[in-house]
Structure formats: structure tokens, C-alpha cells
Amino acid sequence: PRPSAADSEALHNGIEFMACHMREVQAQDGATISSLAPAVQACAQEAGLRWSGFDGLNACAQDEGFRIQQSEDFAARMNWVYQQPHWSNAPFIFLYGRPL
């Protein structure tokens, strides 16, 4: 995919979703995917992103998201994160292969 302009609506909506999702994860101690599902769906709606359908975030979270999390590449990145003393709690966000 092509980079988004810094003032693009798509980038703004994505950041709104990520911020909302991070707030929800941090607010629910011991959160699970199923316990977060209603809040994450609300975050998508709040950010103006599609939740349902083949191109919605839910489809990505259920299929592609699991495939990514189970990949060797993701495991290697997470192992690197866990070796760093200042990255001990989720959520982990990567930019260009490095955690933020």
C-alpha cells in the first residue's frame, strides 16, 4: 500500500481507532479478545471504520490478525520486545518493524 498523507482521513481514522483500542486494553486488567470485542467494535464505529463485512476490521481480527500473530516473523519481533526492559505490557505497536 502507498503511504498516507499526514492529513489524510484514513490515517486520522486509524489513529483514532488505535488510541481507543489502547485505552480499552489498558482499562481492562486481564482483558481477553472476547471481553474486548464490544469495546473494539465501538472503537471502530467511533473512528468511522467499518467493523462488519469482508473488508471490515472484524474480518481482519478474526482471520488475518490471527495469521500474523502466529507467524514466525511476529514471534521473532515479540521475542525482541520481551528482551527490552522498557517494553513489558501490551499493546505493542510496530512501525517499520520496530516497536514504538
N, C-alpha and C. Protein backbone atom coordinates (compact mmCIF):
# COMPACT_ATOMS: atom_id res chain seq x y z
N PRO A 1 0.82 -1.21 0.00
CA PRO A 1 0.00 0.00 0.00
C PRO A 1 0.86 1.26 0.00
N ARG A 2 0.31 2.27 -0.58
CA ARG A 2 1.00 3.55 -0.64
C ARG A 2 0.89 4.26 0.71
N PRO A 3 1.89 5.05 1.05
CA PRO A 3 1.82 5.82 2.31
C PRO A 3 0.65 6.81 2.29
N SER A 4 0.11 7.08 3.45
CA SER A 4 -0.95 8.07 3.58
C SER A 4 -0.36 9.43 3.88
N ALA A 5 -1.01 10.45 3.37
CA ALA A 5 -0.61 11.81 3.72
C ALA A 5 -0.89 12.04 5.19
N ALA A 6 -0.10 12.85 5.83
CA ALA A 6 -0.24 13.11 7.27
C ALA A 6 -1.60 13.68 7.62
N ASP A 7 -2.24 14.36 6.68
CA ASP A 7 -3.55 14.95 6.96
C ASP A 7 -4.70 14.13 6.35
N SER A 8 -4.44 12.87 5.98
CA SER A 8 -5.49 12.06 5.34
C SER A 8 -6.52 11.60 6.36
N GLU A 9 -7.74 11.47 5.89
CA GLU A 9 -8.82 10.98 6.75
C GLU A 9 -8.56 9.54 7.17
N ALA A 10 -8.01 8.73 6.27
CA ALA A 10 -7.73 7.32 6.59
C ALA A 10 -6.73 7.21 7.74
N LEU A 11 -5.67 8.01 7.69
CA LEU A 11 -4.68 7.98 8.77
C LEU A 11 -5.30 8.46 10.08
N HIS A 12 -6.06 9.54 10.02
CA HIS A 12 -6.72 10.07 11.21
C HIS A 12 -7.65 9.02 11.82
N ASN A 13 -8.46 8.36 10.99
CA ASN A 13 -9.38 7.35 11.50
C ASN A 13 -8.63 6.17 12.12
N GLY A 14 -7.53 5.76 11.48
CA GLY A 14 -6.74 4.67 12.02
C GLY A 14 -6.13 5.00 13.37
N ILE A 15 -5.65 6.22 13.50
CA ILE A 15 -5.06 6.65 14.78
C ILE A 15 -6.14 6.74 15.86
N GLU A 16 -7.31 7.25 15.48
CA GLU A 16 -8.43 7.31 16.44
C GLU A 16 -8.78 5.91 16.93
N PHE A 17 -8.83 4.94 16.01
CA PHE A 17 -9.14 3.57 16.39
C PHE A 17 -8.06 3.00 17.32
N MET A 18 -6.81 3.17 16.96
CA MET A 18 -5.71 2.64 17.77
C MET A 18 -5.72 3.24 19.17
N ALA A 19 -5.95 4.54 19.27
CA ALA A 19 -5.96 5.19 20.59
C ALA A 19 -7.11 4.66 21.44
N CYS A 20 -8.27 4.51 20.85
CA CYS A 20 -9.42 3.98 21.57
C CYS A 20 -9.15 2.53 22.00
N HIS A 21 -8.62 1.73 21.10
CA HIS A 21 -8.32 0.33 21.40
C HIS A 21 -7.31 0.23 22.54
N MET A 22 -6.27 1.04 22.49
CA MET A 22 -5.26 1.01 23.55
C MET A 22 -5.86 1.41 24.89
N ARG A 23 -6.74 2.41 24.90
CA ARG A 23 -7.41 2.80 26.15
C ARG A 23 -8.21 1.63 26.72
N GLU A 24 -8.92 0.93 25.86
CA GLU A 24 -9.75 -0.19 26.31
C GLU A 24 -8.90 -1.34 26.84
N VAL A 25 -7.81 -1.67 26.15
CA VAL A 25 -6.93 -2.75 26.60
C VAL A 25 -6.34 -2.40 27.96
N GLN A 26 -5.89 -1.18 28.13
CA GLN A 26 -5.27 -0.78 29.38
C GLN A 26 -6.28 -0.64 30.51
N ALA A 27 -7.54 -0.35 30.18
CA ALA A 27 -8.57 -0.17 31.21
C ALA A 27 -9.08 -1.51 31.75
N GLN A 28 -8.94 -2.57 30.97
CA GLN A 28 -9.45 -3.88 31.37
C GLN A 28 -8.28 -4.78 31.76
N ASP A 29 -7.98 -4.83 33.03
CA ASP A 29 -6.91 -5.70 33.51
C ASP A 29 -7.28 -7.15 33.22
N GLY A 30 -6.41 -7.88 32.55
CA GLY A 30 -6.68 -9.27 32.21
C GLY A 30 -7.66 -9.42 31.05
N ALA A 31 -7.72 -8.42 30.20
CA ALA A 31 -8.66 -8.44 29.07
C ALA A 31 -8.36 -9.60 28.13
N THR A 32 -9.40 -10.14 27.55
CA THR A 32 -9.29 -11.17 26.53
C THR A 32 -9.91 -10.65 25.25
N ILE A 33 -9.68 -11.38 24.17
CA ILE A 33 -10.26 -10.96 22.89
C ILE A 33 -11.77 -10.88 23.01
N SER A 34 -12.39 -11.88 23.66
CA SER A 34 -13.85 -11.86 23.76
C SER A 34 -14.36 -10.77 24.69
N SER A 35 -13.62 -10.47 25.77
CA SER A 35 -14.09 -9.40 26.67
C SER A 35 -13.92 -8.02 26.04
N LEU A 36 -12.97 -7.89 25.13
CA LEU A 36 -12.74 -6.61 24.47
C LEU A 36 -13.61 -6.40 23.24
N ALA A 37 -14.20 -7.46 22.71
CA ALA A 37 -14.90 -7.38 21.43
C ALA A 37 -15.93 -6.24 21.36
N PRO A 38 -16.82 -6.09 22.34
CA PRO A 38 -17.80 -5.00 22.24
C PRO A 38 -17.13 -3.61 22.23
N ALA A 39 -16.11 -3.44 23.04
CA ALA A 39 -15.42 -2.15 23.10
C ALA A 39 -14.67 -1.88 21.79
N VAL A 40 -14.05 -2.90 21.22
CA VAL A 40 -13.30 -2.72 19.98
C VAL A 40 -14.26 -2.37 18.85
N GLN A 41 -15.42 -3.02 18.82
CA GLN A 41 -16.43 -2.68 17.81
C GLN A 41 -16.88 -1.23 17.98
N ALA A 42 -17.07 -0.79 19.21
CA ALA A 42 -17.45 0.61 19.47
C ALA A 42 -16.33 1.55 19.04
N CYS A 43 -15.07 1.15 19.24
CA CYS A 43 -13.93 1.97 18.81
C CYS A 43 -13.94 2.14 17.29
N ALA A 44 -14.22 1.06 16.58
CA ALA A 44 -14.28 1.14 15.12
C ALA A 44 -15.36 2.12 14.69
N GLN A 45 -16.52 2.02 15.30
CA GLN A 45 -17.62 2.92 14.95
C GLN A 45 -17.26 4.37 15.29
N GLU A 46 -16.66 4.57 16.46
CA GLU A 46 -16.26 5.91 16.88
C GLU A 46 -15.25 6.53 15.91
N ALA A 47 -14.38 5.68 15.36
CA ALA A 47 -13.35 6.17 14.44
C ALA A 47 -13.82 6.24 12.99
N GLY A 48 -15.06 5.82 12.74
CA GLY A 48 -15.58 5.87 11.37
C GLY A 48 -15.06 4.75 10.49
N LEU A 49 -14.72 3.61 11.11
CA LEU A 49 -14.20 2.46 10.36
C LEU A 49 -15.24 1.35 10.32
N ARG A 50 -15.26 0.62 9.22
CA ARG A 50 -16.20 -0.50 9.06
C ARG A 50 -15.77 -1.65 9.97
N TRP A 51 -16.73 -2.25 10.67
CA TRP A 51 -16.47 -3.38 11.55
C TRP A 51 -16.84 -4.70 10.87
N SER A 52 -18.05 -4.75 10.29
CA SER A 52 -18.55 -5.99 9.70
C SER A 52 -18.25 -6.06 8.21
N GLY A 53 -18.44 -7.25 7.66
CA GLY A 53 -18.25 -7.46 6.23
C GLY A 53 -16.86 -7.98 5.91
N PHE A 54 -16.66 -8.37 4.66
CA PHE A 54 -15.39 -8.99 4.27
C PHE A 54 -14.21 -8.04 4.38
N ASP A 55 -14.45 -6.73 4.32
CA ASP A 55 -13.36 -5.76 4.41
C ASP A 55 -13.39 -4.97 5.72
N GLY A 56 -14.16 -5.46 6.68
CA GLY A 56 -14.24 -4.79 7.98
C GLY A 56 -13.13 -5.24 8.92
N LEU A 57 -12.94 -4.50 9.98
CA LEU A 57 -11.90 -4.82 10.96
C LEU A 57 -12.12 -6.17 11.63
N ASN A 58 -13.36 -6.56 11.83
CA ASN A 58 -13.62 -7.84 12.47
C ASN A 58 -13.08 -8.99 11.63
N ALA A 59 -13.22 -8.92 10.32
CA ALA A 59 -12.69 -9.97 9.45
C ALA A 59 -11.17 -10.05 9.58
N CYS A 60 -10.53 -8.91 9.66
CA CYS A 60 -9.07 -8.88 9.83
C CYS A 60 -8.68 -9.44 11.18
N ALA A 61 -9.39 -9.06 12.21
CA ALA A 61 -9.06 -9.53 13.55
C ALA A 61 -9.25 -11.03 13.68
N GLN A 62 -10.25 -11.57 13.01
CA GLN A 62 -10.54 -12.99 13.13
C GLN A 62 -9.62 -13.85 12.27
N ASP A 63 -9.29 -13.41 11.09
CA ASP A 63 -8.54 -14.25 10.15
C ASP A 63 -7.10 -13.78 9.99
N GLU A 64 -6.93 -12.67 9.33
CA GLU A 64 -5.59 -12.16 9.04
C GLU A 64 -4.82 -11.82 10.30
N GLY A 65 -5.50 -11.26 11.28
CA GLY A 65 -4.85 -10.91 12.53
C GLY A 65 -4.26 -12.12 13.23
N PHE A 66 -5.03 -13.21 13.26
CA PHE A 66 -4.52 -14.44 13.88
C PHE A 66 -3.36 -15.02 13.08
N ARG A 67 -3.45 -14.97 11.74
CA ARG A 67 -2.37 -15.48 10.91
C ARG A 67 -1.08 -14.72 11.18
N ILE A 68 -1.17 -13.40 11.28
CA ILE A 68 0.01 -12.58 11.56
C ILE A 68 0.58 -12.92 12.94
N GLN A 69 -0.28 -13.02 13.95
CA GLN A 69 0.19 -13.28 15.30
C GLN A 69 0.81 -14.67 15.46
N GLN A 70 0.47 -15.58 14.58
CA GLN A 70 1.02 -16.93 14.66
C GLN A 70 2.22 -17.13 13.74
N SER A 71 2.66 -16.09 13.05
CA SER A 71 3.77 -16.21 12.12
C SER A 71 5.12 -16.19 12.84
N GLU A 72 6.11 -16.77 12.21
CA GLU A 72 7.47 -16.77 12.76
C GLU A 72 8.02 -15.35 12.84
N ASP A 73 7.69 -14.51 11.84
CA ASP A 73 8.17 -13.13 11.83
C ASP A 73 7.65 -12.37 13.05
N PHE A 74 6.38 -12.51 13.35
CA PHE A 74 5.80 -11.82 14.50
C PHE A 74 6.43 -12.34 15.80
N ALA A 75 6.61 -13.66 15.88
CA ALA A 75 7.22 -14.26 17.08
C ALA A 75 8.62 -13.70 17.30
N ALA A 76 9.39 -13.55 16.23
CA ALA A 76 10.75 -13.00 16.36
C ALA A 76 10.71 -11.56 16.85
N ARG A 77 9.79 -10.78 16.32
CA ARG A 77 9.66 -9.37 16.76
C ARG A 77 9.25 -9.31 18.23
N MET A 78 8.32 -10.15 18.64
CA MET A 78 7.88 -10.14 20.03
C MET A 78 9.00 -10.62 20.96
N ASN A 79 9.79 -11.59 20.54
CA ASN A 79 10.93 -12.02 21.35
C ASN A 79 11.89 -10.86 21.57
N TRP A 80 12.12 -10.07 20.54
CA TRP A 80 12.99 -8.90 20.67
C TRP A 80 12.39 -7.93 21.68
N VAL A 81 11.08 -7.69 21.59
CA VAL A 81 10.41 -6.77 22.51
C VAL A 81 10.57 -7.23 23.95
N TYR A 82 10.34 -8.52 24.19
CA TYR A 82 10.42 -9.04 25.55
C TYR A 82 11.83 -8.96 26.13
N GLN A 83 12.84 -8.87 25.29
CA GLN A 83 14.22 -8.74 25.76
C GLN A 83 14.55 -7.31 26.18
N GLN A 84 13.68 -6.36 25.84
CA GLN A 84 13.91 -4.96 26.17
C GLN A 84 13.28 -4.65 27.53
N PRO A 85 13.99 -4.00 28.42
CA PRO A 85 13.46 -3.78 29.77
C PRO A 85 12.27 -2.83 29.83
N HIS A 86 12.09 -1.96 28.85
CA HIS A 86 11.02 -0.97 28.96
C HIS A 86 9.77 -1.33 28.15
N TRP A 87 9.72 -2.50 27.55
CA TRP A 87 8.51 -2.96 26.84
C TRP A 87 8.03 -4.23 27.50
N SER A 88 7.16 -4.09 28.47
CA SER A 88 6.69 -5.27 29.18
C SER A 88 5.18 -5.47 29.13
N ASN A 89 4.42 -4.46 28.71
CA ASN A 89 2.97 -4.58 28.68
C ASN A 89 2.41 -4.26 27.30
N ALA A 90 1.42 -5.03 26.91
CA ALA A 90 0.72 -4.79 25.65
C ALA A 90 -0.12 -3.53 25.81
N PRO A 91 -0.53 -2.87 24.78
CA PRO A 91 -0.38 -3.30 23.39
C PRO A 91 0.97 -2.88 22.82
N PHE A 92 1.46 -3.68 21.91
CA PHE A 92 2.72 -3.39 21.22
C PHE A 92 2.39 -2.88 19.83
N ILE A 93 2.96 -1.75 19.45
CA ILE A 93 2.73 -1.17 18.13
C ILE A 93 4.05 -1.07 17.43
N PHE A 94 4.10 -1.58 16.20
CA PHE A 94 5.33 -1.57 15.42
C PHE A 94 5.22 -0.59 14.27
N LEU A 95 6.30 0.09 13.97
CA LEU A 95 6.40 0.97 12.82
C LEU A 95 7.71 0.64 12.11
N TYR A 96 7.62 0.22 10.87
CA TYR A 96 8.80 -0.19 10.10
C TYR A 96 9.58 -1.29 10.83
N GLY A 97 8.85 -2.25 11.40
CA GLY A 97 9.49 -3.38 12.04
C GLY A 97 10.03 -3.15 13.42
N ARG A 98 9.90 -1.95 13.95
CA ARG A 98 10.42 -1.63 15.29
C ARG A 98 9.24 -1.21 16.17
N PRO A 99 9.27 -1.58 17.45
CA PRO A 99 8.18 -1.16 18.33
C PRO A 99 8.26 0.34 18.65
N LEU A 100 7.12 0.95 18.80
CA LEU A 100 7.08 2.37 19.19
C LEU A 100 7.23 2.49 20.69
